[in-house]
Amino acid sequence: MLQLNRTNLESICQAALAEDMGSGDATTLAVVPEALETTALLRTREDCVCAGLPVARMVFTLLDADVCVEELVRDGDRCTAGQTLARITGKARALLTGERTALNFMQRLCGIATMTRRYVDAVGRHPVKILDTRKTTPGLRFLEKYAVTAGGGSNHRFGLYDRIMLKDNHRELASLDGPGSIHRAVKACRDRYPRLEIEVEADTLDNVREAVEAGADIILLDNMTDDEIAAAVRIIGGRAVTEASGGITLERISAIAATGVDTISVGALTHSVRSIDLGLDLNLPTGA
């Protein structure tokens, strides 16, 4: 599972709390005594794959360093409706003030992990990796990519800096200098960034052939039919890593995996997920 960077995590959680709190949690400050302590149970109200417990912990401990977060499951675990994910004990003000921020993070991350697990399960026996994309919420990319790994998926590149990716617009601009645009673009990238992997997006089988001849490390088969993907895999013949992308649905995954492709990237893992319904319930004594 991807490791969360504590500095980045703290920064994101601080910004989220500042957005919600402003000058202060007026309701809680007015109603809840400062010294009152309580316990709350973080529960899922539907079946899901858990993701985001370290984020919830960060939210509450930023409000009160003495808050105790007891994790009762682990990120990546399958959880059933009604299951308690964590027990949180501390000053009631901290728990109430952090409740919505912690839930907002975890509901989305659990949604991503749950969707990812469905795609991973749909691959079945085929040795195919499910990848995410850069179609993430601005500012939350590393959290959302973390949730993908909690669901059993793998991460594609994190940004524009850690892999060369020659997409259709790059090819179009390179073609202004005439035929052989993929060859020229791959060579230019290799010369300037020799340590980075080079991925070429191919829309046609002719693109695939040129990308192979140019020495691309990875070839993305964009919006191809299952038959076209299978043909591309045969053309490549193991000389580059193959990635199917575009028009990927849960219903197609099994058939795509059967073509022999190495990876399948799915934007829907992060851009179209539904948040999981979670709740934070105060664990008050009977009769309270």
Protein backbone atom coordinates (compact mmCIF):
# COMPACT_ATOMS: atom_id res chain seq x y z
CA MET A 1 0.00 0.00 0.00
CA LEU A 2 1.22 3.49 -0.81
CA GLN A 3 2.79 5.23 2.20
CA LEU A 4 1.25 8.54 3.22
CA ASN A 5 3.64 11.46 3.57
CA ARG A 6 3.03 12.92 7.04
CA THR A 7 3.97 16.47 6.08
CA ASN A 8 1.60 16.51 3.10
CA LEU A 9 -1.13 14.84 5.13
CA GLU A 10 -0.87 17.39 7.93
CA SER A 11 -0.98 20.28 5.47
CA ILE A 12 -4.10 18.96 3.73
CA CYS A 13 -5.91 18.31 7.00
CA GLN A 14 -5.00 21.73 8.40
CA ALA A 15 -6.37 23.41 5.28
CA ALA A 16 -9.60 21.38 5.46
CA LEU A 17 -10.11 22.21 9.15
CA ALA A 18 -9.44 25.91 8.53
CA GLU A 19 -12.02 25.91 5.74
CA ASP A 20 -14.66 24.41 8.04
CA MET A 21 -13.84 26.14 11.31
CA GLY A 22 -13.05 29.68 10.25
CA SER A 23 -12.95 31.74 13.44
CA GLY A 24 -14.26 28.81 15.51
CA ASP A 25 -16.91 26.10 15.86
CA ALA A 26 -19.58 28.41 17.25
CA THR A 27 -22.12 25.74 18.14
CA THR A 28 -19.69 23.47 19.94
CA LEU A 29 -17.98 26.33 21.78
CA ALA A 30 -21.35 27.56 23.03
CA VAL A 31 -22.87 24.22 24.03
CA VAL A 32 -20.09 21.76 24.98
CA PRO A 33 -18.09 22.23 28.22
CA GLU A 34 -14.36 22.59 27.60
CA ALA A 35 -13.33 19.78 29.96
CA LEU A 36 -15.96 17.23 28.85
CA GLU A 37 -14.53 13.99 27.44
CA THR A 38 -16.39 11.35 25.48
CA THR A 39 -16.02 8.42 23.10
CA ALA A 40 -17.32 8.20 19.54
CA LEU A 41 -17.58 5.23 17.20
CA LEU A 42 -16.73 5.63 13.53
CA ARG A 43 -19.05 3.25 11.68
CA THR A 44 -19.81 2.33 8.10
CA ARG A 45 -23.47 2.18 7.16
CA GLU A 46 -22.85 0.06 4.07
CA ASP A 47 -20.44 -2.61 2.86
CA CYS A 48 -17.14 -1.10 1.79
CA VAL A 49 -13.37 -1.34 1.66
CA CYS A 50 -11.87 0.83 4.38
CA ALA A 51 -9.46 3.64 3.47
CA GLY A 52 -8.42 6.81 5.24
CA LEU A 53 -8.01 5.92 8.91
CA PRO A 54 -4.66 7.77 9.14
CA VAL A 55 -6.39 10.84 7.71
CA ALA A 56 -9.11 10.74 10.36
CA ARG A 57 -6.46 10.30 13.04
CA MET A 58 -4.60 13.37 11.76
CA VAL A 59 -7.76 15.49 11.75
CA PHE A 60 -8.61 14.73 15.38
CA THR A 61 -5.08 14.97 16.74
CA LEU A 62 -4.57 18.35 15.06
CA LEU A 63 -7.50 19.57 17.14
CA ASP A 64 -6.30 17.89 20.34
CA ALA A 65 -3.03 15.98 20.56
CA ASP A 66 -4.44 13.89 23.42
CA VAL A 67 -7.26 12.37 21.36
CA CYS A 68 -6.93 8.58 21.19
CA VAL A 69 -7.92 6.89 17.92
CA GLU A 70 -8.20 3.11 18.26
CA GLU A 71 -8.38 1.53 14.81
CA LEU A 72 -10.55 -1.59 14.88
CA VAL A 73 -9.90 -2.49 11.21
CA ARG A 74 -7.09 -1.71 8.79
CA ASP A 75 -7.15 0.24 5.56
CA GLY A 76 -7.74 -2.27 2.80
CA ASP A 77 -10.05 -4.45 4.90
CA ARG A 78 -13.49 -5.37 3.58
CA CYS A 79 -16.09 -4.09 6.06
CA THR A 80 -19.79 -4.78 6.39
CA ALA A 81 -22.68 -2.41 7.06
CA GLY A 82 -22.84 -1.47 10.73
CA GLN A 83 -19.23 -2.38 11.45
CA THR A 84 -17.20 -0.08 13.70
CA LEU A 85 -13.99 1.08 12.04
CA ALA A 86 -12.48 3.04 14.92
CA ARG A 87 -13.12 4.13 18.50
CA ILE A 88 -12.17 7.75 19.20
CA THR A 89 -11.79 9.06 22.76
CA GLY A 90 -10.98 12.57 23.90
CA LYS A 91 -12.32 16.06 24.48
CA ALA A 92 -15.85 16.26 23.15
CA ARG A 93 -15.14 19.60 21.51
CA ALA A 94 -12.37 18.10 19.36
CA LEU A 95 -14.53 15.16 18.33
CA LEU A 96 -17.49 17.32 17.31
CA THR A 97 -15.41 19.95 15.54
CA GLY A 98 -13.45 17.37 13.55
CA GLU A 99 -16.39 15.09 12.78
CA ARG A 100 -17.42 16.41 9.37
CA THR A 101 -13.89 16.95 8.07
CA ALA A 102 -12.83 13.43 9.07
CA LEU A 103 -15.98 11.91 7.57
CA ASN A 104 -15.68 13.89 4.33
CA PHE A 105 -12.18 12.55 3.79
CA MET A 106 -12.97 8.97 4.76
CA GLN A 107 -16.25 8.71 2.86
CA ARG A 108 -14.51 9.63 -0.40
CA LEU A 109 -11.43 7.50 0.22
CA CYS A 110 -13.55 4.48 1.16
CA GLY A 111 -15.56 5.05 -2.03
CA ILE A 112 -12.39 4.98 -4.13
CA ALA A 113 -11.04 1.88 -2.39
CA THR A 114 -14.37 0.09 -2.75
CA MET A 115 -14.66 0.88 -6.47
CA THR A 116 -11.06 -0.16 -7.05
CA ARG A 117 -11.62 -3.51 -5.34
CA ARG A 118 -14.54 -4.20 -7.68
CA TYR A 119 -12.32 -3.67 -10.71
CA VAL A 120 -9.51 -5.74 -9.22
CA ASP A 121 -11.91 -8.58 -8.44
CA ALA A 122 -13.34 -8.41 -11.98
CA VAL A 123 -9.90 -9.14 -13.48
CA GLY A 124 -10.18 -12.64 -12.07
CA ARG A 125 -7.29 -15.02 -12.73
CA HIS A 126 -5.60 -12.79 -15.30
CA PRO A 127 -2.25 -11.21 -14.22
CA VAL A 128 -3.38 -7.67 -14.99
CA LYS A 129 -2.84 -4.59 -12.82
CA ILE A 130 -5.61 -2.02 -12.37
CA LEU A 131 -4.16 1.50 -12.49
CA ASP A 132 -5.48 4.91 -11.55
CA THR A 133 -4.98 8.10 -13.60
CA ARG A 134 -4.33 11.81 -13.01
CA LYS A 135 -8.09 12.47 -13.04
CA THR A 136 -8.06 13.29 -9.34
CA THR A 137 -9.38 16.07 -7.12
CA PRO A 138 -6.87 18.95 -7.21
CA GLY A 139 -4.88 19.01 -3.98
CA LEU A 140 -5.99 15.52 -2.94
CA ARG A 141 -4.13 13.38 -5.49
CA PHE A 142 -1.83 11.56 -3.10
CA LEU A 143 -4.75 10.70 -0.77
CA GLU A 144 -6.88 9.42 -3.64
CA LYS A 145 -4.02 7.40 -5.07
CA TYR A 146 -3.44 6.00 -1.57
CA ALA A 147 -7.08 4.86 -1.53
CA VAL A 148 -6.59 3.11 -4.88
CA THR A 149 -3.78 1.03 -3.38
CA ALA A 150 -5.95 0.29 -0.33
CA GLY A 151 -8.43 -1.21 -2.77
CA GLY A 152 -5.77 -3.42 -4.35
CA GLY A 153 -5.01 -1.23 -7.36
CA SER A 154 -1.70 0.28 -8.47
CA ASN A 155 -0.64 3.84 -9.16
CA HIS A 156 0.06 5.28 -12.59
CA ARG A 157 2.36 8.31 -12.72
CA PHE A 158 1.80 10.89 -9.99
CA GLY A 159 2.28 13.93 -12.18
CA LEU A 160 3.92 15.44 -15.21
CA TYR A 161 7.37 15.02 -13.70
CA ASP A 162 7.82 11.29 -13.05
CA ARG A 163 7.11 9.74 -16.45
CA ILE A 164 7.14 10.88 -20.07
CA MET A 165 3.71 10.43 -21.62
CA LEU A 166 3.27 11.33 -25.28
CA LYS A 167 -0.45 11.87 -25.71
CA ASP A 168 -2.44 12.65 -28.86
CA ASN A 169 -1.88 16.41 -28.63
CA HIS A 170 1.87 15.89 -28.28
CA ARG A 171 1.81 13.65 -31.36
CA GLU A 172 -0.21 16.20 -33.32
CA LEU A 173 2.23 19.00 -32.55
CA ALA A 174 5.21 16.78 -33.33
CA SER A 175 3.62 15.84 -36.68
CA LEU A 176 3.89 19.44 -37.87
CA ASP A 177 7.47 18.57 -38.82
CA GLY A 178 6.31 15.74 -41.07
CA PRO A 179 6.06 11.92 -40.87
CA GLY A 180 7.79 9.96 -38.13
CA SER A 181 6.49 12.16 -35.32
CA ILE A 182 6.48 9.40 -32.71
CA HIS A 183 10.10 8.48 -33.49
CA ARG A 184 11.18 12.11 -33.18
CA ALA A 185 9.23 12.71 -29.98
CA VAL A 186 10.53 9.55 -28.28
CA LYS A 187 14.13 10.42 -29.22
CA ALA A 188 13.75 13.99 -27.95
CA CYS A 189 12.36 12.77 -24.64
CA ARG A 190 15.04 10.10 -24.28
CA ASP A 191 17.78 12.63 -24.95
CA ARG A 192 16.47 15.16 -22.43
CA TYR A 193 15.20 12.82 -19.70
CA PRO A 194 17.18 9.56 -20.04
CA ARG A 195 16.09 8.24 -16.63
CA LEU A 196 12.35 8.56 -17.17
CA GLU A 197 10.16 5.84 -18.67
CA ILE A 198 8.52 6.84 -21.93
CA GLU A 199 4.88 6.00 -22.58
CA VAL A 200 3.22 6.58 -25.94
CA GLU A 201 -0.53 6.84 -26.39
CA ALA A 202 -1.60 4.91 -29.49
CA ASP A 203 -5.00 5.39 -31.13
CA THR A 204 -4.40 3.01 -34.02
CA LEU A 205 -2.42 -0.11 -34.78
CA ASP A 206 -0.15 1.99 -37.00
CA ASN A 207 0.59 4.15 -33.94
CA VAL A 208 1.37 0.94 -32.04
CA ARG A 209 3.86 -0.22 -34.68
CA GLU A 210 5.63 3.15 -34.73
CA ALA A 211 5.76 3.30 -30.92
CA VAL A 212 7.35 -0.16 -30.76
CA GLU A 213 9.92 0.74 -33.42
CA ALA A 214 10.69 3.99 -31.60
CA GLY A 215 11.54 2.05 -28.43
CA ALA A 216 8.72 3.20 -26.15
CA ASP A 217 8.79 1.56 -22.72
CA ILE A 218 5.00 1.58 -22.34
CA ILE A 219 2.29 1.78 -24.99
CA LEU A 220 -1.17 3.01 -24.03
CA LEU A 221 -3.91 1.52 -26.20
CA ASP A 222 -6.46 4.31 -26.21
CA ASN A 223 -10.17 3.69 -26.75
CA MET A 224 -9.60 0.47 -28.67
CA THR A 225 -12.02 -2.42 -29.02
CA ASP A 226 -11.19 -5.71 -27.35
CA ASP A 227 -10.13 -7.17 -30.71
CA GLU A 228 -7.89 -4.19 -31.43
CA ILE A 229 -6.29 -4.48 -27.99
CA ALA A 230 -5.57 -8.17 -28.61
CA ALA A 231 -4.05 -7.34 -32.01
CA ALA A 232 -1.90 -4.60 -30.46
CA VAL A 233 -0.64 -6.99 -27.78
CA ARG A 234 0.43 -9.42 -30.53
CA ILE A 235 2.20 -6.66 -32.48
CA ILE A 236 4.07 -5.47 -29.38
CA GLY A 237 5.06 -9.02 -28.50
CA GLY A 238 6.46 -8.20 -25.08
CA ARG A 239 8.75 -5.43 -26.33
CA ALA A 240 6.89 -2.84 -24.24
CA VAL A 241 4.46 -2.82 -21.34
CA THR A 242 0.87 -2.58 -22.62
CA GLU A 243 -1.84 -0.45 -21.05
CA ALA A 244 -5.51 -0.40 -22.06
CA SER A 245 -7.30 2.87 -21.36
CA GLY A 246 -10.37 4.83 -22.42
CA GLY A 247 -13.93 3.55 -22.39
CA ILE A 248 -13.13 1.13 -19.57
CA THR A 249 -16.15 -0.14 -17.66
CA LEU A 250 -16.56 -2.77 -14.99
CA GLU A 251 -18.48 -4.92 -17.46
CA ARG A 252 -15.55 -4.90 -19.94
CA ILE A 253 -12.73 -5.59 -17.52
CA SER A 254 -12.76 -9.38 -17.74
CA ALA A 255 -12.74 -9.36 -21.56
CA ILE A 256 -9.97 -6.76 -21.71
CA ALA A 257 -7.88 -8.69 -19.19
CA ALA A 258 -8.22 -11.78 -21.39
CA THR A 259 -6.50 -10.01 -24.32
CA GLY A 260 -3.11 -10.35 -22.62
CA VAL A 261 -2.69 -6.66 -21.83
CA ASP A 262 -0.42 -5.91 -18.85
CA THR A 263 -2.32 -3.06 -17.21
CA ILE A 264 -5.70 -1.33 -17.41
CA SER A 265 -6.03 2.31 -16.34
CA VAL A 266 -9.42 3.49 -15.11
CA GLY A 267 -10.20 7.17 -14.60
CA ALA A 268 -13.51 6.28 -12.96
CA LEU A 269 -11.66 5.04 -9.87
CA THR A 270 -11.20 8.65 -8.80
CA HIS A 271 -13.38 10.89 -10.96
CA SER A 272 -16.73 9.11 -10.74
CA VAL A 273 -16.93 7.35 -7.38
CA ARG A 274 -19.79 7.57 -4.92
CA SER A 275 -18.82 8.32 -1.34
CA ILE A 276 -19.50 5.59 1.23
CA ASP A 277 -22.03 6.41 3.96
CA LEU A 278 -20.15 6.64 7.26
CA GLY A 279 -21.18 8.05 10.62
CA LEU A 280 -19.58 9.17 13.88
CA ASP A 281 -21.82 8.12 16.78
CA LEU A 282 -21.26 9.24 20.35
CA ASN A 283 -20.94 6.24 22.62
CA LEU A 284 -22.95 7.64 25.54
CA PRO A 285 -23.79 5.59 28.64
CA THR A 286 -27.32 4.18 28.82
CA GLY A 287 -29.71 6.77 30.20
CA ALA A 288 -27.44 9.70 29.37
